[in-house]
PDB file of N, CA and C in Angstrom:
ATOM      1  N   UNK A   1       0.858  -1.190  -0.003  1.00  0.00           N
ATOM      2  CA  UNK A   1      -0.017   0.020  -0.044  1.00  0.00           C
ATOM      3  C   UNK A   1       0.872   1.223   0.007  1.00  0.00           C
ATOM      4  N   UNK A   2       0.553   2.238  -0.816  1.00  0.00           N
ATOM      5  CA  UNK A   2       1.356   3.448  -0.852  1.00  0.00           C
ATOM      6  C   UNK A   2       0.465   4.604  -0.288  1.00  0.00           C
ATOM      7  N   UNK A   3       1.186   5.634   0.218  1.00  0.00           N
ATOM      8  CA  UNK A   3       0.535   6.818   0.767  1.00  0.00           C
ATOM      9  C   UNK A   3       1.477   7.966   0.565  1.00  0.00           C
ATOM     10  N   UNK A   4       0.934   9.148   0.485  1.00  0.00           N
ATOM     11  CA  UNK A   4       1.709  10.379   0.205  1.00  0.00           C
ATOM     12  C   UNK A   4       2.003  11.142   1.524  1.00  0.00           C
ATOM     13  N   UNK A   5       3.187  11.591   1.661  1.00  0.00           N
ATOM     14  CA  UNK A   5       3.586  12.412   2.794  1.00  0.00           C
ATOM     15  C   UNK A   5       4.398  13.682   2.261  1.00  0.00           C
ATOM     16  N   UNK A   6       4.440  14.703   3.034  1.00  0.00           N
ATOM     17  CA  UNK A   6       5.224  15.843   2.621  1.00  0.00           C
ATOM     18  C   UNK A   6       6.701  15.512   2.703  1.00  0.00           C
ATOM     19  N   UNK A   7       7.509  16.018   1.826  1.00  0.00           N
ATOM     20  CA  UNK A   7       8.940  15.786   1.797  1.00  0.00           C
ATOM     21  C   UNK A   7       9.589  16.058   3.176  1.00  0.00           C
ATOM     22  N   UNK A   8       9.128  17.074   3.838  1.00  0.00           N
ATOM     23  CA  UNK A   8       9.731  17.421   5.096  1.00  0.00           C
ATOM     24  C   UNK A   8       9.419  16.412   6.261  1.00  0.00           C
ATOM     25  N   UNK A   9       8.480  15.517   5.987  1.00  0.00           N
ATOM     26  CA  UNK A   9       8.147  14.499   6.966  1.00  0.00           C
ATOM     27  C   UNK A   9       8.865  13.151   6.771  1.00  0.00           C
ATOM     28  N   UNK A  10       9.730  13.079   5.761  1.00  0.00           N
ATOM     29  CA  UNK A  10      10.492  11.860   5.537  1.00  0.00           C
ATOM     30  C   UNK A  10      11.508  11.620   6.632  1.00  0.00           C
ATOM     31  N   UNK A  11      11.694  10.370   7.038  1.00  0.00           N
ATOM     32  CA  UNK A  11      12.589   9.980   8.113  1.00  0.00           C
ATOM     33  C   UNK A  11      13.412   8.799   7.678  1.00  0.00           C
ATOM     34  N   UNK A  12      14.669   8.710   8.199  1.00  0.00           N
ATOM     35  CA  UNK A  12      15.445   7.438   7.929  1.00  0.00           C
ATOM     36  C   UNK A  12      14.648   6.238   8.240  1.00  0.00           C
ATOM     37  N   UNK A  13      14.703   5.202   7.403  1.00  0.00           N
ATOM     38  CA  UNK A  13      13.971   3.994   7.673  1.00  0.00           C
ATOM     39  C   UNK A  13      12.688   3.931   6.854  1.00  0.00           C
ATOM     40  N   UNK A  14      12.203   5.068   6.364  1.00  0.00           N
ATOM     41  CA  UNK A  14      10.968   5.073   5.542  1.00  0.00           C
ATOM     42  C   UNK A  14      11.266   4.363   4.203  1.00  0.00           C
ATOM     43  N   UNK A  15      10.192   3.694   3.642  1.00  0.00           N
ATOM     44  CA  UNK A  15      10.318   3.114   2.312  1.00  0.00           C
ATOM     45  C   UNK A  15       9.713   4.125   1.386  1.00  0.00           C
ATOM     46  N   UNK A  16      10.582   4.644   0.436  1.00  0.00           N
ATOM     47  CA  UNK A  16      10.170   5.679  -0.485  1.00  0.00           C
ATOM     48  C   UNK A  16      10.066   5.083  -1.893  1.00  0.00           C
ATOM     49  N   UNK A  17       8.987   5.332  -2.570  1.00  0.00           N
ATOM     50  CA  UNK A  17       8.866   4.932  -3.997  1.00  0.00           C
ATOM     51  C   UNK A  17       9.342   6.134  -4.841  1.00  0.00           C
ATOM     52  N   UNK A  18      10.424   5.915  -5.608  1.00  0.00           N
ATOM     53  CA  UNK A  18      11.116   6.942  -6.357  1.00  0.00           C
ATOM     54  C   UNK A  18      11.117   6.639  -7.888  1.00  0.00           C
ATOM     55  N   UNK A  19      10.650   7.554  -8.661  1.00  0.00           N
ATOM     56  CA  UNK A  19      10.707   7.408 -10.144  1.00  0.00           C
ATOM     57  C   UNK A  19      12.025   7.846 -10.639  1.00  0.00           C
ATOM     58  N   UNK A  20      12.676   6.990 -11.437  1.00  0.00           N
ATOM     59  CA  UNK A  20      14.007   7.317 -12.009  1.00  0.00           C
ATOM     60  C   UNK A  20      13.878   7.178 -13.555  1.00  0.00           C
ATOM     61  N   UNK A  21      14.940   7.486 -14.262  1.00  0.00           N
ATOM     62  CA  UNK A  21      14.972   7.328 -15.723  1.00  0.00           C
ATOM     63  C   UNK A  21      14.826   5.901 -16.132  1.00  0.00           C
ATOM     64  N   UNK A  22      15.175   4.989 -15.270  1.00  0.00           N
ATOM     65  CA  UNK A  22      15.115   3.569 -15.630  1.00  0.00           C
ATOM     66  C   UNK A  22      13.836   2.841 -15.073  1.00  0.00           C
ATOM     67  N   UNK A  23      12.979   3.619 -14.402  1.00  0.00           N
ATOM     68  CA  UNK A  23      11.771   3.072 -13.880  1.00  0.00           C
ATOM     69  C   UNK A  23      11.595   3.479 -12.441  1.00  0.00           C
ATOM     70  N   UNK A  24      10.756   2.793 -11.729  1.00  0.00           N
ATOM     71  CA  UNK A  24      10.405   3.071 -10.344  1.00  0.00           C
ATOM     72  C   UNK A  24      11.146   2.125  -9.454  1.00  0.00           C
ATOM     73  N   UNK A  25      11.729   2.679  -8.353  1.00  0.00           N
ATOM     74  CA  UNK A  25      12.461   1.873  -7.354  1.00  0.00           C
ATOM     75  C   UNK A  25      11.906   2.178  -5.996  1.00  0.00           C
ATOM     76  N   UNK A  26      11.973   1.246  -5.100  1.00  0.00           N
ATOM     77  CA  UNK A  26      11.620   1.453  -3.686  1.00  0.00           C
ATOM     78  C   UNK A  26      12.885   1.484  -2.906  1.00  0.00           C
ATOM     79  N   UNK A  27      13.084   2.615  -2.156  1.00  0.00           N
ATOM     80  CA  UNK A  27      14.288   2.783  -1.354  1.00  0.00           C
ATOM     81  C   UNK A  27      13.977   2.741   0.086  1.00  0.00           C
ATOM     82  N   UNK A  28      14.864   2.150   0.928  1.00  0.00           N
ATOM     83  CA  UNK A  28      14.761   2.323   2.357  1.00  0.00           C
ATOM     84  C   UNK A  28      15.749   3.514   2.620  1.00  0.00           C
ATOM     85  N   UNK A  29      15.240   4.611   3.123  1.00  0.00           N
ATOM     86  CA  UNK A  29      16.014   5.785   3.370  1.00  0.00           C
ATOM     87  C   UNK A  29      17.026   5.535   4.488  1.00  0.00           C
ATOM     88  N   UNK A  30      18.281   5.897   4.208  1.00  0.00           N
ATOM     89  CA  UNK A  30      19.342   5.759   5.207  1.00  0.00           C
ATOM     90  C   UNK A  30      19.735   7.151   5.737  1.00  0.00           C
ATOM     91  N   UNK A  31      19.478   8.183   5.038  1.00  0.00           N
ATOM     92  CA  UNK A  31      19.864   9.532   5.441  1.00  0.00           C
ATOM     93  C   UNK A  31      18.925  10.542   4.936  1.00  0.00           C
ATOM     94  N   UNK A  32      18.441  11.456   5.764  1.00  0.00           N
ATOM     95  CA  UNK A  32      17.529  12.545   5.356  1.00  0.00           C
ATOM     96  C   UNK A  32      18.150  13.848   5.930  1.00  0.00           C
ATOM     97  N   UNK A  33      18.435  14.753   5.099  1.00  0.00           N
ATOM     98  CA  UNK A  33      19.019  16.093   5.475  1.00  0.00           C
ATOM     99  C   UNK A  33      18.089  17.235   5.098  1.00  0.00           C
ATOM    100  N   UNK A  34      17.819  18.030   6.070  1.00  0.00           N
ATOM    101  CA  UNK A  34      16.962  19.205   5.780  1.00  0.00           C
ATOM    102  C   UNK A  34      17.915  20.392   5.499  1.00  0.00           C
ATOM    103  N   UNK A  35      17.757  20.921   4.287  1.00  0.00           N
ATOM    104  CA  UNK A  35      18.577  22.034   3.837  1.00  0.00           C
ATOM    105  C   UNK A  35      17.685  23.322   3.698  1.00  0.00           C
ATOM    106  N   UNK A  36      18.328  24.399   3.370  1.00  0.00           N
ATOM    107  CA  UNK A  36      17.637  25.632   3.216  1.00  0.00           C
ATOM    108  C   UNK A  36      16.489  25.652   2.198  1.00  0.00           C
ATOM    109  N   UNK A  37      16.791  25.013   1.027  1.00  0.00           N
ATOM    110  CA  UNK A  37      15.788  24.963  -0.044  1.00  0.00           C
ATOM    111  C   UNK A  37      15.024  23.680  -0.198  1.00  0.00           C
ATOM    112  N   UNK A  38      15.356  22.745   0.594  1.00  0.00           N
ATOM    113  CA  UNK A  38      14.646  21.455   0.425  1.00  0.00           C
ATOM    114  C   UNK A  38      15.266  20.282   1.193  1.00  0.00           C
ATOM    115  N   UNK A  39      14.828  19.095   0.865  1.00  0.00           N
ATOM    116  CA  UNK A  39      15.287  17.862   1.502  1.00  0.00           C
ATOM    117  C   UNK A  39      16.245  17.038   0.645  1.00  0.00           C
ATOM    118  N   UNK A  40      17.382  16.674   1.157  1.00  0.00           N
ATOM    119  CA  UNK A  40      18.266  15.728   0.431  1.00  0.00           C
ATOM    120  C   UNK A  40      18.196  14.385   1.150  1.00  0.00           C
ATOM    121  N   UNK A  41      18.075  13.322   0.401  1.00  0.00           N
ATOM    122  CA  UNK A  41      17.958  11.994   0.985  1.00  0.00           C
ATOM    123  C   UNK A  41      18.801  11.034   0.183  1.00  0.00           C
ATOM    124  N   UNK A  42      19.210   9.913   0.969  1.00  0.00           N
ATOM    125  CA  UNK A  42      19.898   8.820   0.363  1.00  0.00           C
ATOM    126  C   UNK A  42      19.250   7.595   0.863  1.00  0.00           C
ATOM    127  N   UNK A  43      19.267   6.526   0.004  1.00  0.00           N
ATOM    128  CA  UNK A  43      18.686   5.291   0.399  1.00  0.00           C
ATOM    129  C   UNK A  43      19.197   4.124  -0.492  1.00  0.00           C
ATOM    130  N   UNK A  44      18.851   2.958  -0.136  1.00  0.00           N
ATOM    131  CA  UNK A  44      19.252   1.754  -0.886  1.00  0.00           C
ATOM    132  C   UNK A  44      18.064   0.955  -1.354  1.00  0.00           C
ATOM    133  N   UNK A  45      18.094   0.397  -2.583  1.00  0.00           N
ATOM    134  CA  UNK A  45      17.008  -0.413  -3.035  1.00  0.00           C
ATOM    135  C   UNK A  45      17.237  -1.849  -2.499  1.00  0.00           C
ATOM    136  N   UNK A  46      16.381  -2.790  -2.878  1.00  0.00           N
ATOM    137  CA  UNK A  46      16.506  -4.160  -2.384  1.00  0.00           C
ATOM    138  C   UNK A  46      17.793  -4.847  -2.862  1.00  0.00           C
ATOM    139  N   UNK A  47      18.352  -4.412  -3.963  1.00  0.00           N
ATOM    140  CA  UNK A  47      19.580  -5.047  -4.412  1.00  0.00           C
ATOM    141  C   UNK A  47      20.846  -4.422  -3.780  1.00  0.00           C
ATOM    142  N   UNK A  48      20.619  -3.343  -2.988  1.00  0.00           N
ATOM    143  CA  UNK A  48      21.696  -2.712  -2.303  1.00  0.00           C
ATOM    144  C   UNK A  48      22.332  -1.516  -2.988  1.00  0.00           C
ATOM    145  N   UNK A  49      21.792  -1.134  -4.158  1.00  0.00           N
ATOM    146  CA  UNK A  49      22.326   0.040  -4.860  1.00  0.00           C
ATOM    147  C   UNK A  49      21.907   1.343  -4.122  1.00  0.00           C
ATOM    148  N   UNK A  50      22.891   2.259  -4.079  1.00  0.00           N
ATOM    149  CA  UNK A  50      22.691   3.524  -3.391  1.00  0.00           C
ATOM    150  C   UNK A  50      22.084   4.565  -4.328  1.00  0.00           C
ATOM    151  N   UNK A  51      21.079   5.251  -3.891  1.00  0.00           N
ATOM    152  CA  UNK A  51      20.451   6.332  -4.594  1.00  0.00           C
ATOM    153  C   UNK A  51      20.530   7.586  -3.770  1.00  0.00           C
ATOM    154  N   UNK A  52      20.691   8.765  -4.425  1.00  0.00           N
ATOM    155  CA  UNK A  52      20.672  10.031  -3.734  1.00  0.00           C
ATOM    156  C   UNK A  52      19.803  10.979  -4.627  1.00  0.00           C
ATOM    157  N   UNK A  53      18.952  11.746  -3.915  1.00  0.00           N
ATOM    158  CA  UNK A  53      18.088  12.674  -4.664  1.00  0.00           C
ATOM    159  C   UNK A  53      17.602  13.717  -3.609  1.00  0.00           C
ATOM    160  N   UNK A  54      16.715  14.528  -4.079  1.00  0.00           N
ATOM    161  CA  UNK A  54      16.203  15.529  -3.168  1.00  0.00           C
ATOM    162  C   UNK A  54      14.805  16.049  -3.679  1.00  0.00           C
ATOM    163  N   UNK A  55      14.159  16.802  -2.751  1.00  0.00           N
ATOM    164  CA  UNK A  55      12.805  17.309  -3.018  1.00  0.00           C
ATOM    165  C   UNK A  55      12.753  18.651  -2.403  1.00  0.00           C
ATOM    166  N   UNK A  56      11.867  19.535  -2.915  1.00  0.00           N
ATOM    167  CA  UNK A  56      11.624  20.761  -2.329  1.00  0.00           C
ATOM    168  C   UNK A  56      10.564  20.616  -1.203  1.00  0.00           C
ATOM    169  N   UNK A  57      10.653  21.556  -0.240  1.00  0.00           N
ATOM    170  CA  UNK A  57       9.651  21.523   0.878  1.00  0.00           C
ATOM    171  C   UNK A  57       8.275  21.679   0.272  1.00  0.00           C
ATOM    172  N   UNK A  58       7.293  20.910   0.778  1.00  0.00           N
ATOM    173  CA  UNK A  58       5.954  21.013   0.335  1.00  0.00           C
ATOM    174  C   UNK A  58       5.639  20.023  -0.800  1.00  0.00           C
ATOM    175  N   UNK A  59       6.660  19.363  -1.395  1.00  0.00           N
ATOM    176  CA  UNK A  59       6.334  18.357  -2.416  1.00  0.00           C
ATOM    177  C   UNK A  59       5.841  17.098  -1.753  1.00  0.00           C
ATOM    178  N   UNK A  60       5.071  16.367  -2.473  1.00  0.00           N
ATOM    179  CA  UNK A  60       4.608  15.045  -1.937  1.00  0.00           C
ATOM    180  C   UNK A  60       5.496  13.938  -2.308  1.00  0.00           C
ATOM    181  N   UNK A  61       5.769  13.157  -1.340  1.00  0.00           N
ATOM    182  CA  UNK A  61       6.682  11.928  -1.498  1.00  0.00           C
ATOM    183  C   UNK A  61       5.751  10.681  -1.332  1.00  0.00           C
ATOM    184  N   UNK A  62       5.979   9.728  -2.148  1.00  0.00           N
ATOM    185  CA  UNK A  62       5.153   8.523  -2.089  1.00  0.00           C
ATOM    186  C   UNK A  62       5.885   7.456  -1.343  1.00  0.00           C
ATOM    187  N   UNK A  63       5.303   7.029  -0.205  1.00  0.00           N
ATOM    188  CA  UNK A  63       5.927   6.059   0.674  1.00  0.00           C
ATOM    189  C   UNK A  63       5.199   4.752   0.580  1.00  0.00           C
ATOM    190  N   UNK A  64       5.802   3.668   0.935  1.00  0.00           N
ATOM    191  CA  UNK A  64       5.252   2.307   0.866  1.00  0.00           C
ATOM    192  C   UNK A  64       5.201   1.794   2.264  1.00  0.00           C
ATOM    193  N   UNK A  65       4.062   1.259   2.584  1.00  0.00           N
ATOM    194  CA  UNK A  65       3.866   0.606   3.913  1.00  0.00           C
ATOM    195  C   UNK A  65       4.097  -0.874   3.739  1.00  0.00           C
ATOM    196  N   UNK A  66       5.062  -1.396   4.457  1.00  0.00           N
ATOM    197  CA  UNK A  66       5.398  -2.834   4.303  1.00  0.00           C
ATOM    198  C   UNK A  66       4.273  -3.720   4.773  1.00  0.00           C
TER     199      UNK A  66
END
């Protein structure tokens, strides 16, 4: 099941559904940093690949409930 949260509500350990150029991946967030203009986060997919991206404050993030 997926649900939307504000980017500023993301926490390490959340499962985030992220759209990339190669498709959609589900990441377990390992790091969430609040910056002046938005949120930077890092996480790993099920295969262990590391992803890094960011979002602006107020954007909706799609999370997955295990």
